[in-house]
Amino acid sequence: MAFDERLAERIRVVLDGREAIREQRMFGGVAFMDHGNMCVGIVHDDLMARVGADAWEEALAQPGARPMDFVPSRPMKGMVYVSPDAIATEEELRSWVERCLAFTSTLPAKG
């Protein structure tokens, strides 16, 4: 399954200099791991954003956000997809990535 390589490069720029970030193929796309925890990723051309259960409703209220639902009618609470038009500018993308980093920074590091 292909994913948007241009978006991946834009995310790499936002995450540049953060030593705890690594890339991993996941969900047919790519994920960026923060201390071993999935933070953001790309599925096709959508941003996959891990915002956490407490911030999920607020994230869904943002333009271009929708529930992440690999299994129809069973959304993954705490995860959203963000459409390309909602992350068209560097400021929009950075805002989403920083929102996700804020959440993953609260999680214990994994191996």
PDB file of N, CA and C in Angstrom:
ATOM      1  N   MET A   1       0.855  -1.183   0.000  1.00  0.00           N
ATOM      2  CA  MET A   1       0.000   0.000   0.000  1.00  0.00           C
ATOM      3  C   MET A   1       0.897   1.241   0.000  1.00  0.00           C
ATOM      4  N   ALA A   2       0.628   2.157  -0.864  1.00  0.00           N
ATOM      5  CA  ALA A   2       1.429   3.368  -0.976  1.00  0.00           C
ATOM      6  C   ALA A   2       0.968   4.429   0.022  1.00  0.00           C
ATOM      7  N   PHE A   3       1.897   5.299   0.368  1.00  0.00           N
ATOM      8  CA  PHE A   3       1.561   6.441   1.213  1.00  0.00           C
ATOM      9  C   PHE A   3       2.230   7.677   0.625  1.00  0.00           C
ATOM     10  N   ASP A   4       1.793   8.825   1.047  1.00  0.00           N
ATOM     11  CA  ASP A   4       2.259  10.099   0.511  1.00  0.00           C
ATOM     12  C   ASP A   4       3.685  10.390   1.005  1.00  0.00           C
ATOM     13  N   GLU A   5       4.661  10.167   0.135  1.00  0.00           N
ATOM     14  CA  GLU A   5       6.071  10.385   0.490  1.00  0.00           C
ATOM     15  C   GLU A   5       6.360  11.861   0.754  1.00  0.00           C
ATOM     16  N   ARG A   6       5.660  12.726   0.055  1.00  0.00           N
ATOM     17  CA  ARG A   6       5.854  14.173   0.274  1.00  0.00           C
ATOM     18  C   ARG A   6       5.429  14.549   1.689  1.00  0.00           C
ATOM     19  N   LEU A   7       4.303  14.007   2.132  1.00  0.00           N
ATOM     20  CA  LEU A   7       3.851  14.263   3.500  1.00  0.00           C
ATOM     21  C   LEU A   7       4.854  13.692   4.499  1.00  0.00           C
ATOM     22  N   ALA A   8       5.400  12.517   4.210  1.00  0.00           N
ATOM     23  CA  ALA A   8       6.404  11.929   5.100  1.00  0.00           C
ATOM     24  C   ALA A   8       7.601  12.866   5.240  1.00  0.00           C
ATOM     25  N   GLU A   9       8.037  13.441   4.142  1.00  0.00           N
ATOM     26  CA  GLU A   9       9.172  14.364   4.201  1.00  0.00           C
ATOM     27  C   GLU A   9       8.822  15.621   4.994  1.00  0.00           C
ATOM     28  N   ARG A  10       7.619  16.111   4.841  1.00  0.00           N
ATOM     29  CA  ARG A  10       7.181  17.289   5.611  1.00  0.00           C
ATOM     30  C   ARG A  10       7.173  16.969   7.109  1.00  0.00           C
ATOM     31  N   ILE A  11       6.737  15.771   7.470  1.00  0.00           N
ATOM     32  CA  ILE A  11       6.739  15.367   8.883  1.00  0.00           C
ATOM     33  C   ILE A  11       8.173  15.248   9.384  1.00  0.00           C
ATOM     34  N   ARG A  12       9.058  14.677   8.570  1.00  0.00           N
ATOM     35  CA  ARG A  12      10.469  14.565   8.960  1.00  0.00           C
ATOM     36  C   ARG A  12      11.061  15.929   9.290  1.00  0.00           C
ATOM     37  N   VAL A  13      10.696  16.937   8.509  1.00  0.00           N
ATOM     38  CA  VAL A  13      11.187  18.297   8.763  1.00  0.00           C
ATOM     39  C   VAL A  13      10.687  18.791  10.127  1.00  0.00           C
ATOM     40  N   VAL A  14       9.417  18.580  10.408  1.00  0.00           N
ATOM     41  CA  VAL A  14       8.857  19.013  11.700  1.00  0.00           C
ATOM     42  C   VAL A  14       9.548  18.298  12.852  1.00  0.00           C
ATOM     43  N   LEU A  15       9.852  17.024  12.677  1.00  0.00           N
ATOM     44  CA  LEU A  15      10.433  16.213  13.752  1.00  0.00           C
ATOM     45  C   LEU A  15      11.960  16.265  13.794  1.00  0.00           C
ATOM     46  N   ASP A  16      12.577  16.956  12.858  1.00  0.00           N
ATOM     47  CA  ASP A  16      14.031  17.004  12.773  1.00  0.00           C
ATOM     48  C   ASP A  16      14.651  17.456  14.102  1.00  0.00           C
ATOM     49  N   GLY A  17      15.679  16.727  14.518  1.00  0.00           N
ATOM     50  CA  GLY A  17      16.393  17.079  15.741  1.00  0.00           C
ATOM     51  C   GLY A  17      15.890  16.391  16.989  1.00  0.00           C
ATOM     52  N   ARG A  18      14.784  15.702  16.888  1.00  0.00           N
ATOM     53  CA  ARG A  18      14.259  14.954  18.042  1.00  0.00           C
ATOM     54  C   ARG A  18      14.865  13.555  18.003  1.00  0.00           C
ATOM     55  N   GLU A  19      15.736  13.279  18.938  1.00  0.00           N
ATOM     56  CA  GLU A  19      16.494  12.027  18.930  1.00  0.00           C
ATOM     57  C   GLU A  19      15.640  10.791  19.180  1.00  0.00           C
ATOM     58  N   ALA A  20      14.545  10.916  19.889  1.00  0.00           N
ATOM     59  CA  ALA A  20      13.738   9.749  20.268  1.00  0.00           C
ATOM     60  C   ALA A  20      12.762   9.323  19.178  1.00  0.00           C
ATOM     61  N   ILE A  21      12.801   9.959  18.018  1.00  0.00           N
ATOM     62  CA  ILE A  21      11.866   9.655  16.933  1.00  0.00           C
ATOM     63  C   ILE A  21      12.496   8.650  15.975  1.00  0.00           C
ATOM     64  N   ARG A  22      11.715   7.626  15.612  1.00  0.00           N
ATOM     65  CA  ARG A  22      12.146   6.699  14.568  1.00  0.00           C
ATOM     66  C   ARG A  22      10.945   6.376  13.696  1.00  0.00           C
ATOM     67  N   GLU A  23      11.234   5.983  12.471  1.00  0.00           N
ATOM     68  CA  GLU A  23      10.181   5.616  11.516  1.00  0.00           C
ATOM     69  C   GLU A  23       9.990   4.115  11.510  1.00  0.00           C
ATOM     70  N   GLN A  24       8.734   3.717  11.310  1.00  0.00           N
ATOM     71  CA  GLN A  24       8.417   2.290  11.232  1.00  0.00           C
ATOM     72  C   GLN A  24       7.259   2.103  10.257  1.00  0.00           C
ATOM     73  N   ARG A  25       7.366   1.108   9.394  1.00  0.00           N
ATOM     74  CA  ARG A  25       6.256   0.781   8.502  1.00  0.00           C
ATOM     75  C   ARG A  25       5.136   0.199   9.347  1.00  0.00           C
ATOM     76  N   MET A  26       3.929   0.706   9.153  1.00  0.00           N
ATOM     77  CA  MET A  26       2.795   0.295   9.970  1.00  0.00           C
ATOM     78  C   MET A  26       1.502   0.647   9.260  1.00  0.00           C
ATOM     79  N   PHE A  27       0.476  -0.177   9.414  1.00  0.00           N
ATOM     80  CA  PHE A  27      -0.853   0.088   8.859  1.00  0.00           C
ATOM     81  C   PHE A  27      -0.815   0.311   7.350  1.00  0.00           C
ATOM     82  N   GLY A  28       0.137  -0.283   6.666  1.00  0.00           N
ATOM     83  CA  GLY A  28       0.252  -0.092   5.227  1.00  0.00           C
ATOM     84  C   GLY A  28       0.845   1.246   4.849  1.00  0.00           C
ATOM     85  N   GLY A  29       1.331   1.973   5.815  1.00  0.00           N
ATOM     86  CA  GLY A  29       1.953   3.271   5.584  1.00  0.00           C
ATOM     87  C   GLY A  29       3.222   3.373   6.395  1.00  0.00           C
ATOM     88  N   VAL A  30       3.430   4.526   6.970  1.00  0.00           N
ATOM     89  CA  VAL A  30       4.598   4.745   7.817  1.00  0.00           C
ATOM     90  C   VAL A  30       4.131   5.439   9.092  1.00  0.00           C
ATOM     91  N   ALA A  31       4.775   5.090  10.203  1.00  0.00           N
ATOM     92  CA  ALA A  31       4.481   5.728  11.486  1.00  0.00           C
ATOM     93  C   ALA A  31       5.768   6.312  12.035  1.00  0.00           C
ATOM     94  N   PHE A  32       5.629   7.384  12.761  1.00  0.00           N
ATOM     95  CA  PHE A  32       6.741   8.017  13.444  1.00  0.00           C
ATOM     96  C   PHE A  32       6.547   7.747  14.933  1.00  0.00           C
ATOM     97  N   MET A  33       7.529   7.060  15.490  1.00  0.00           N
ATOM     98  CA  MET A  33       7.454   6.604  16.871  1.00  0.00           C
ATOM     99  C   MET A  33       8.217   7.578  17.767  1.00  0.00           C
ATOM    100  N   ASP A  34       7.621   7.926  18.900  1.00  0.00           N
ATOM    101  CA  ASP A  34       8.239   8.801  19.898  1.00  0.00           C
ATOM    102  C   ASP A  34       8.528   7.950  21.126  1.00  0.00           C
ATOM    103  N   HIS A  35       9.792   7.709  21.414  1.00  0.00           N
ATOM    104  CA  HIS A  35      10.186   6.831  22.526  1.00  0.00           C
ATOM    105  C   HIS A  35       9.485   5.476  22.433  1.00  0.00           C
ATOM    106  N   GLY A  36       9.304   4.972  21.209  1.00  0.00           N
ATOM    107  CA  GLY A  36       8.682   3.673  20.998  1.00  0.00           C
ATOM    108  C   GLY A  36       7.171   3.679  20.925  1.00  0.00           C
ATOM    109  N   ASN A  37       6.545   4.824  21.112  1.00  0.00           N
ATOM    110  CA  ASN A  37       5.086   4.953  21.049  1.00  0.00           C
ATOM    111  C   ASN A  37       4.680   5.610  19.732  1.00  0.00           C
ATOM    112  N   MET A  38       3.690   5.035  19.040  1.00  0.00           N
ATOM    113  CA  MET A  38       3.207   5.630  17.806  1.00  0.00           C
ATOM    114  C   MET A  38       2.705   7.037  18.095  1.00  0.00           C
ATOM    115  N   CYS A  39       3.196   7.995  17.323  1.00  0.00           N
ATOM    116  CA  CYS A  39       2.835   9.406  17.517  1.00  0.00           C
ATOM    117  C   CYS A  39       1.986   9.894  16.344  1.00  0.00           C
ATOM    118  N   VAL A  40       2.568   9.919  15.159  1.00  0.00           N
ATOM    119  CA  VAL A  40       1.856  10.296  13.936  1.00  0.00           C
ATOM    120  C   VAL A  40       2.259   9.324  12.841  1.00  0.00           C
ATOM    121  N   GLY A  41       1.451   9.284  11.803  1.00  0.00           N
ATOM    122  CA  GLY A  41       1.781   8.433  10.678  1.00  0.00           C
ATOM    123  C   GLY A  41       1.021   8.860   9.448  1.00  0.00           C
ATOM    124  N   ILE A  42       1.194   8.069   8.413  1.00  0.00           N
ATOM    125  CA  ILE A  42       0.523   8.353   7.147  1.00  0.00           C
ATOM    126  C   ILE A  42      -0.090   7.063   6.634  1.00  0.00           C
ATOM    127  N   VAL A  43      -1.358   7.136   6.292  1.00  0.00           N
ATOM    128  CA  VAL A  43      -2.057   6.052   5.618  1.00  0.00           C
ATOM    129  C   VAL A  43      -2.628   6.664   4.348  1.00  0.00           C
ATOM    130  N   HIS A  44      -2.167   6.183   3.212  1.00  0.00           N
ATOM    131  CA  HIS A  44      -2.491   6.776   1.900  1.00  0.00           C
ATOM    132  C   HIS A  44      -2.006   8.218   1.908  1.00  0.00           C
ATOM    133  N   ASP A  45      -2.922   9.179   1.914  1.00  0.00           N
ATOM    134  CA  ASP A  45      -2.503  10.579   1.965  1.00  0.00           C
ATOM    135  C   ASP A  45      -3.057  11.293   3.196  1.00  0.00           C
ATOM    136  N   ASP A  46      -3.573  10.521   4.142  1.00  0.00           N
ATOM    137  CA  ASP A  46      -4.093  11.092   5.396  1.00  0.00           C
ATOM    138  C   ASP A  46      -3.029  11.047   6.487  1.00  0.00           C
ATOM    139  N   LEU A  47      -3.034  12.063   7.323  1.00  0.00           N
ATOM    140  CA  LEU A  47      -2.235  12.043   8.537  1.00  0.00           C
ATOM    141  C   LEU A  47      -2.977  11.197   9.557  1.00  0.00           C
ATOM    142  N   MET A  48      -2.277  10.288  10.182  1.00  0.00           N
ATOM    143  CA  MET A  48      -2.828   9.480  11.269  1.00  0.00           C
ATOM    144  C   MET A  48      -2.268  10.113  12.549  1.00  0.00           C
ATOM    145  N   ALA A  49      -3.147  10.643  13.372  1.00  0.00           N
ATOM    146  CA  ALA A  49      -2.721  11.416  14.533  1.00  0.00           C
ATOM    147  C   ALA A  49      -3.177  10.757  15.831  1.00  0.00           C
ATOM    148  N   ARG A  50      -2.219  10.534  16.728  1.00  0.00           N
ATOM    149  CA  ARG A  50      -2.535   9.956  18.032  1.00  0.00           C
ATOM    150  C   ARG A  50      -2.638  11.103  19.029  1.00  0.00           C
ATOM    151  N   VAL A  51      -3.853  11.397  19.429  1.00  0.00           N
ATOM    152  CA  VAL A  51      -4.105  12.533  20.303  1.00  0.00           C
ATOM    153  C   VAL A  51      -4.473  12.122  21.724  1.00  0.00           C
ATOM    154  N   GLY A  52      -4.784  10.863  21.929  1.00  0.00           N
ATOM    155  CA  GLY A  52      -5.185  10.381  23.252  1.00  0.00           C
ATOM    156  C   GLY A  52      -6.682  10.468  23.452  1.00  0.00           C
ATOM    157  N   ALA A  53      -7.188   9.612  24.322  1.00  0.00           N
ATOM    158  CA  ALA A  53      -8.631   9.526  24.554  1.00  0.00           C
ATOM    159  C   ALA A  53      -9.212  10.823  25.101  1.00  0.00           C
ATOM    160  N   ASP A  54      -8.486  11.497  25.980  1.00  0.00           N
ATOM    161  CA  ASP A  54      -9.022  12.723  26.595  1.00  0.00           C
ATOM    162  C   ASP A  54      -9.161  13.872  25.598  1.00  0.00           C
ATOM    163  N   ALA A  55      -8.339  13.894  24.573  1.00  0.00           N
ATOM    164  CA  ALA A  55      -8.369  14.981  23.590  1.00  0.00           C
ATOM    165  C   ALA A  55      -9.058  14.580  22.284  1.00  0.00           C
ATOM    166  N   TRP A  56      -9.617  13.369  22.260  1.00  0.00           N
ATOM    167  CA  TRP A  56     -10.186  12.836  21.031  1.00  0.00           C
ATOM    168  C   TRP A  56     -11.347  13.675  20.505  1.00  0.00           C
ATOM    169  N   GLU A  57     -12.312  13.983  21.350  1.00  0.00           N
ATOM    170  CA  GLU A  57     -13.485  14.762  20.904  1.00  0.00           C
ATOM    171  C   GLU A  57     -13.061  16.135  20.387  1.00  0.00           C
ATOM    172  N   GLU A  58     -12.150  16.769  21.081  1.00  0.00           N
ATOM    173  CA  GLU A  58     -11.663  18.083  20.651  1.00  0.00           C
ATOM    174  C   GLU A  58     -10.967  17.976  19.294  1.00  0.00           C
ATOM    175  N   ALA A  59     -10.176  16.928  19.117  1.00  0.00           N
ATOM    176  CA  ALA A  59      -9.488  16.730  17.841  1.00  0.00           C
ATOM    177  C   ALA A  59     -10.491  16.512  16.712  1.00  0.00           C
ATOM    178  N   LEU A  60     -11.534  15.736  16.980  1.00  0.00           N
ATOM    179  CA  LEU A  60     -12.545  15.473  15.956  1.00  0.00           C
ATOM    180  C   LEU A  60     -13.296  16.727  15.539  1.00  0.00           C
ATOM    181  N   ALA A  61     -13.312  17.732  16.398  1.00  0.00           N
ATOM    182  CA  ALA A  61     -13.996  18.980  16.083  1.00  0.00           C
ATOM    183  C   ALA A  61     -13.167  19.868  15.149  1.00  0.00           C
ATOM    184  N   GLN A  62     -11.920  19.490  14.897  1.00  0.00           N
ATOM    185  CA  GLN A  62     -11.048  20.288  14.034  1.00  0.00           C
ATOM    186  C   GLN A  62     -11.363  20.012  12.568  1.00  0.00           C
ATOM    187  N   PRO A  63     -11.165  21.014  11.720  1.00  0.00           N
ATOM    188  CA  PRO A  63     -11.428  20.819  10.287  1.00  0.00           C
ATOM    189  C   PRO A  63     -10.601  19.660   9.720  1.00  0.00           C
ATOM    190  N   GLY A  64     -11.253  18.823   8.940  1.00  0.00           N
ATOM    191  CA  GLY A  64     -10.576  17.740   8.255  1.00  0.00           C
ATOM    192  C   GLY A  64     -10.308  16.501   9.080  1.00  0.00           C
ATOM    193  N   ALA A  65     -10.680  16.499  10.356  1.00  0.00           N
ATOM    194  CA  ALA A  65     -10.430  15.342  11.226  1.00  0.00           C
ATOM    195  C   ALA A  65     -11.640  14.412  11.213  1.00  0.00           C
ATOM    196  N   ARG A  66     -11.343  13.118  11.271  1.00  0.00           N
ATOM    197  CA  ARG A  66     -12.409  12.119  11.359  1.00  0.00           C
ATOM    198  C   ARG A  66     -11.880  10.926  12.159  1.00  0.00           C
ATOM    199  N   PRO A  67     -12.767  10.123  12.698  1.00  0.00           N
ATOM    200  CA  PRO A  67     -12.314   8.980  13.499  1.00  0.00           C
ATOM    201  C   PRO A  67     -11.465   8.018  12.676  1.00  0.00           C
ATOM    202  N   MET A  68     -10.480   7.453  13.314  1.00  0.00           N
ATOM    203  CA  MET A  68      -9.685   6.399  12.687  1.00  0.00           C
ATOM    204  C   MET A  68     -10.425   5.097  12.915  1.00  0.00           C
ATOM    205  N   ASP A  69     -10.844   4.466  11.824  1.00  0.00           N
ATOM    206  CA  ASP A  69     -11.675   3.270  11.962  1.00  0.00           C
ATOM    207  C   ASP A  69     -11.272   2.206  10.948  1.00  0.00           C
ATOM    208  N   PHE A  70     -10.275   1.418  11.307  1.00  0.00           N
ATOM    209  CA  PHE A  70      -9.889   0.299  10.453  1.00  0.00           C
ATOM    210  C   PHE A  70     -11.032  -0.697  10.349  1.00  0.00           C
ATOM    211  N   VAL A  71     -11.716  -0.916  11.449  1.00  0.00           N
ATOM    212  CA  VAL A  71     -12.873  -1.806  11.471  1.00  0.00           C
ATOM    213  C   VAL A  71     -14.107  -0.916  11.411  1.00  0.00           C
ATOM    214  N   PRO A  72     -14.920  -1.042  10.380  1.00  0.00           N
ATOM    215  CA  PRO A  72     -16.107  -0.184  10.272  1.00  0.00           C
ATOM    216  C   PRO A  72     -16.936  -0.206  11.556  1.00  0.00           C
ATOM    217  N   SER A  73     -17.383   0.936  11.947  1.00  0.00           N
ATOM    218  CA  SER A  73     -18.224   1.168  13.128  1.00  0.00           C
ATOM    219  C   SER A  73     -17.486   0.926  14.446  1.00  0.00           C
ATOM    220  N   ARG A  74     -16.146   0.796  14.398  1.00  0.00           N
ATOM    221  CA  ARG A  74     -15.375   0.659  15.632  1.00  0.00           C
ATOM    222  C   ARG A  74     -14.177   1.609  15.600  1.00  0.00           C
ATOM    223  N   PRO A  75     -14.404   2.906  15.790  1.00  0.00           N
ATOM    224  CA  PRO A  75     -13.289   3.853  15.728  1.00  0.00           C
ATOM    225  C   PRO A  75     -12.311   3.622  16.881  1.00  0.00           C
ATOM    226  N   MET A  76     -11.053   3.924  16.616  1.00  0.00           N
ATOM    227  CA  MET A  76     -10.018   3.803  17.630  1.00  0.00           C
ATOM    228  C   MET A  76      -9.985   5.109  18.425  1.00  0.00           C
ATOM    229  N   LYS A  77     -10.569   5.090  19.599  1.00  0.00           N
ATOM    230  CA  LYS A  77     -10.629   6.302  20.417  1.00  0.00           C
ATOM    231  C   LYS A  77      -9.209   6.738  20.765  1.00  0.00           C
ATOM    232  N   GLY A  78      -8.948   8.001  20.534  1.00  0.00           N
ATOM    233  CA  GLY A  78      -7.622   8.540  20.773  1.00  0.00           C
ATOM    234  C   GLY A  78      -6.813   8.725  19.504  1.00  0.00           C
ATOM    235  N   MET A  79      -7.355   8.214  18.371  1.00  0.00           N
ATOM    236  CA  MET A  79      -6.682   8.316  17.079  1.00  0.00           C
ATOM    237  C   MET A  79      -7.634   8.948  16.070  1.00  0.00           C
ATOM    238  N   VAL A  80      -7.093   9.835  15.242  1.00  0.00           N
ATOM    239  CA  VAL A  80      -7.900  10.445  14.183  1.00  0.00           C
ATOM    240  C   VAL A  80      -7.109  10.447  12.881  1.00  0.00           C
ATOM    241  N   TYR A  81      -7.848  10.481  11.796  1.00  0.00           N
ATOM    242  CA  TYR A  81      -7.272  10.765  10.495  1.00  0.00           C
ATOM    243  C   TYR A  81      -7.485  12.250  10.234  1.00  0.00           C
ATOM    244  N   VAL A  82      -6.512  12.879   9.586  1.00  0.00           N
ATOM    245  CA  VAL A  82      -6.626  14.278   9.198  1.00  0.00           C
ATOM    246  C   VAL A  82      -6.416  14.346   7.693  1.00  0.00           C
ATOM    247  N   SER A  83      -7.372  14.932   7.004  1.00  0.00           N
ATOM    248  CA  SER A  83      -7.328  14.978   5.543  1.00  0.00           C
ATOM    249  C   SER A  83      -6.239  15.929   5.043  1.00  0.00           C
ATOM    250  N   PRO A  84      -5.750  15.699   3.843  1.00  0.00           N
ATOM    251  CA  PRO A  84      -4.666  16.517   3.295  1.00  0.00           C
ATOM    252  C   PRO A  84      -4.966  18.012   3.269  1.00  0.00           C
ATOM    253  N   ASP A  85      -6.210  18.387   2.963  1.00  0.00           N
ATOM    254  CA  ASP A  85      -6.527  19.815   2.899  1.00  0.00           C
ATOM    255  C   ASP A  85      -6.431  20.497   4.264  1.00  0.00           C
ATOM    256  N   ALA A  86      -6.522  19.750   5.347  1.00  0.00           N
ATOM    257  CA  ALA A  86      -6.448  20.330   6.693  1.00  0.00           C
ATOM    258  C   ALA A  86      -5.011  20.458   7.192  1.00  0.00           C
ATOM    259  N   ILE A  87      -4.054  19.922   6.432  1.00  0.00           N
ATOM    260  CA  ILE A  87      -2.640  20.043   6.795  1.00  0.00           C
ATOM    261  C   ILE A  87      -1.840  20.577   5.611  1.00  0.00           C
ATOM    262  N   ALA A  88      -2.472  21.418   4.824  1.00  0.00           N
ATOM    263  CA  ALA A  88      -1.859  21.929   3.595  1.00  0.00           C
ATOM    264  C   ALA A  88      -0.688  22.861   3.886  1.00  0.00           C
ATOM    265  N   THR A  89      -0.762  23.609   4.973  1.00  0.00           N
ATOM    266  CA  THR A  89       0.337  24.526   5.298  1.00  0.00           C
ATOM    267  C   THR A  89       1.252  23.891   6.341  1.00  0.00           C
ATOM    268  N   GLU A  90       2.469  24.402   6.405  1.00  0.00           N
ATOM    269  CA  GLU A  90       3.418  23.886   7.397  1.00  0.00           C
ATOM    270  C   GLU A  90       2.916  24.172   8.813  1.00  0.00           C
ATOM    271  N   GLU A  91       2.273  25.302   8.999  1.00  0.00           N
ATOM    272  CA  GLU A  91       1.730  25.643  10.318  1.00  0.00           C
ATOM    273  C   GLU A  91       0.650  24.642  10.744  1.00  0.00           C
ATOM    274  N   GLU A  92      -0.240  24.280   9.825  1.00  0.00           N
ATOM    275  CA  GLU A  92      -1.284  23.303  10.143  1.00  0.00           C
ATOM    276  C   GLU A  92      -0.691  21.941  10.485  1.00  0.00           C
ATOM    277  N   LEU A  93       0.263  21.494   9.676  1.00  0.00           N
ATOM    278  CA  LEU A  93       0.896  20.206   9.941  1.00  0.00           C
ATOM    279  C   LEU A  93       1.639  20.237  11.274  1.00  0.00           C
ATOM    280  N   ARG A  94       2.412  21.266  11.506  1.00  0.00           N
ATOM    281  CA  ARG A  94       3.168  21.392  12.754  1.00  0.00           C
ATOM    282  C   ARG A  94       2.229  21.367  13.958  1.00  0.00           C
ATOM    283  N   SER A  95       1.104  22.033  13.849  1.00  0.00           N
ATOM    284  CA  SER A  95       0.142  22.058  14.955  1.00  0.00           C
ATOM    285  C   SER A  95      -0.335  20.651  15.297  1.00  0.00           C
ATOM    286  N   TRP A  96      -0.654  19.847  14.288  1.00  0.00           N
ATOM    287  CA  TRP A  96      -1.101  18.473  14.530  1.00  0.00           C
ATOM    288  C   TRP A  96       0.022  17.617  15.105  1.00  0.00           C
ATOM    289  N   VAL A  97       1.222  17.740  14.550  1.00  0.00           N
ATOM    290  CA  VAL A  97       2.343  16.943  15.046  1.00  0.00           C
ATOM    291  C   VAL A  97       2.643  17.313  16.497  1.00  0.00           C
ATOM    292  N   GLU A  98       2.636  18.585  16.808  1.00  0.00           N
ATOM    293  CA  GLU A  98       2.905  19.006  18.187  1.00  0.00           C
ATOM    294  C   GLU A  98       1.806  18.548  19.142  1.00  0.00           C
ATOM    295  N   ARG A  99       0.569  18.533  18.683  1.00  0.00           N
ATOM    296  CA  ARG A  99      -0.534  18.012  19.496  1.00  0.00           C
ATOM    297  C   ARG A  99      -0.270  16.541  19.842  1.00  0.00           C
ATOM    298  N   CYS A 100       0.182  15.787  18.855  1.00  0.00           N
ATOM    299  CA  CYS A 100       0.471  14.366  19.073  1.00  0.00           C
ATOM    300  C   CYS A 100       1.684  14.168  19.979  1.00  0.00           C
ATOM    301  N   LEU A 101       2.717  14.961  19.786  1.00  0.00           N
ATOM    302  CA  LEU A 101       3.898  14.879  20.652  1.00  0.00           C
ATOM    303  C   LEU A 101       3.549  15.216  22.101  1.00  0.00           C
ATOM    304  N   ALA A 102       2.638  16.167  22.278  1.00  0.00           N
ATOM    305  CA  ALA A 102       2.209  16.513  23.638  1.00  0.00           C
ATOM    306  C   ALA A 102       1.586  15.307  24.320  1.00  0.00           C
ATOM    307  N   PHE A 103       0.821  14.521  23.549  1.00  0.00           N
ATOM    308  CA  PHE A 103       0.223  13.327  24.137  1.00  0.00           C
ATOM    309  C   PHE A 103       1.274  12.246  24.375  1.00  0.00           C
ATOM    310  N   THR A 104       2.073  11.927  23.364  1.00  0.00           N
ATOM    311  CA  THR A 104       3.026  10.824  23.527  1.00  0.00           C
ATOM    312  C   THR A 104       4.083  11.132  24.577  1.00  0.00           C
ATOM    313  N   SER A 105       4.316  12.391  24.873  1.00  0.00           N
ATOM    314  CA  SER A 105       5.277  12.728  25.929  1.00  0.00           C
ATOM    315  C   SER A 105       4.772  12.317  27.318  1.00  0.00           C
ATOM    316  N   THR A 106       3.479  12.029  27.422  1.00  0.00           N
ATOM    317  CA  THR A 106       2.916  11.596  28.713  1.00  0.00           C
ATOM    318  C   THR A 106       2.992  10.086  28.904  1.00  0.00           C
ATOM    319  N   LEU A 107       3.407   9.372  27.859  1.00  0.00           N
ATOM    320  CA  LEU A 107       3.442   7.912  27.892  1.00  0.00           C
ATOM    321  C   LEU A 107       4.815   7.405  28.323  1.00  0.00           C
ATOM    322  N   PRO A 108       4.867   6.250  28.984  1.00  0.00           N
ATOM    323  CA  PRO A 108       6.174   5.683  29.307  1.00  0.00           C
ATOM    324  C   PRO A 108       6.878   5.213  28.034  1.00  0.00           C
ATOM    325  N   ALA A 109       8.173   5.365  28.007  1.00  0.00           N
ATOM    326  CA  ALA A 109       8.958   4.919  26.849  1.00  0.00           C
ATOM    327  C   ALA A 109       8.881   3.403  26.726  1.00  0.00           C
ATOM    328  N   LYS A 110       8.892   2.959  25.474  1.00  0.00           N
ATOM    329  CA  LYS A 110       8.905   1.512  25.203  1.00  0.00           C
ATOM    330  C   LYS A 110      10.290   1.144  24.661  1.00  0.00           C
ATOM    331  N   GLY A 111      10.761  -0.019  25.086  1.00  0.00           N
ATOM    332  CA  GLY A 111      12.027  -0.619  24.672  1.00  0.00           C
ATOM    333  C   GLY A 111      12.736   0.141  23.664  1.00  0.00           C
TER     334      GLY A 111
END
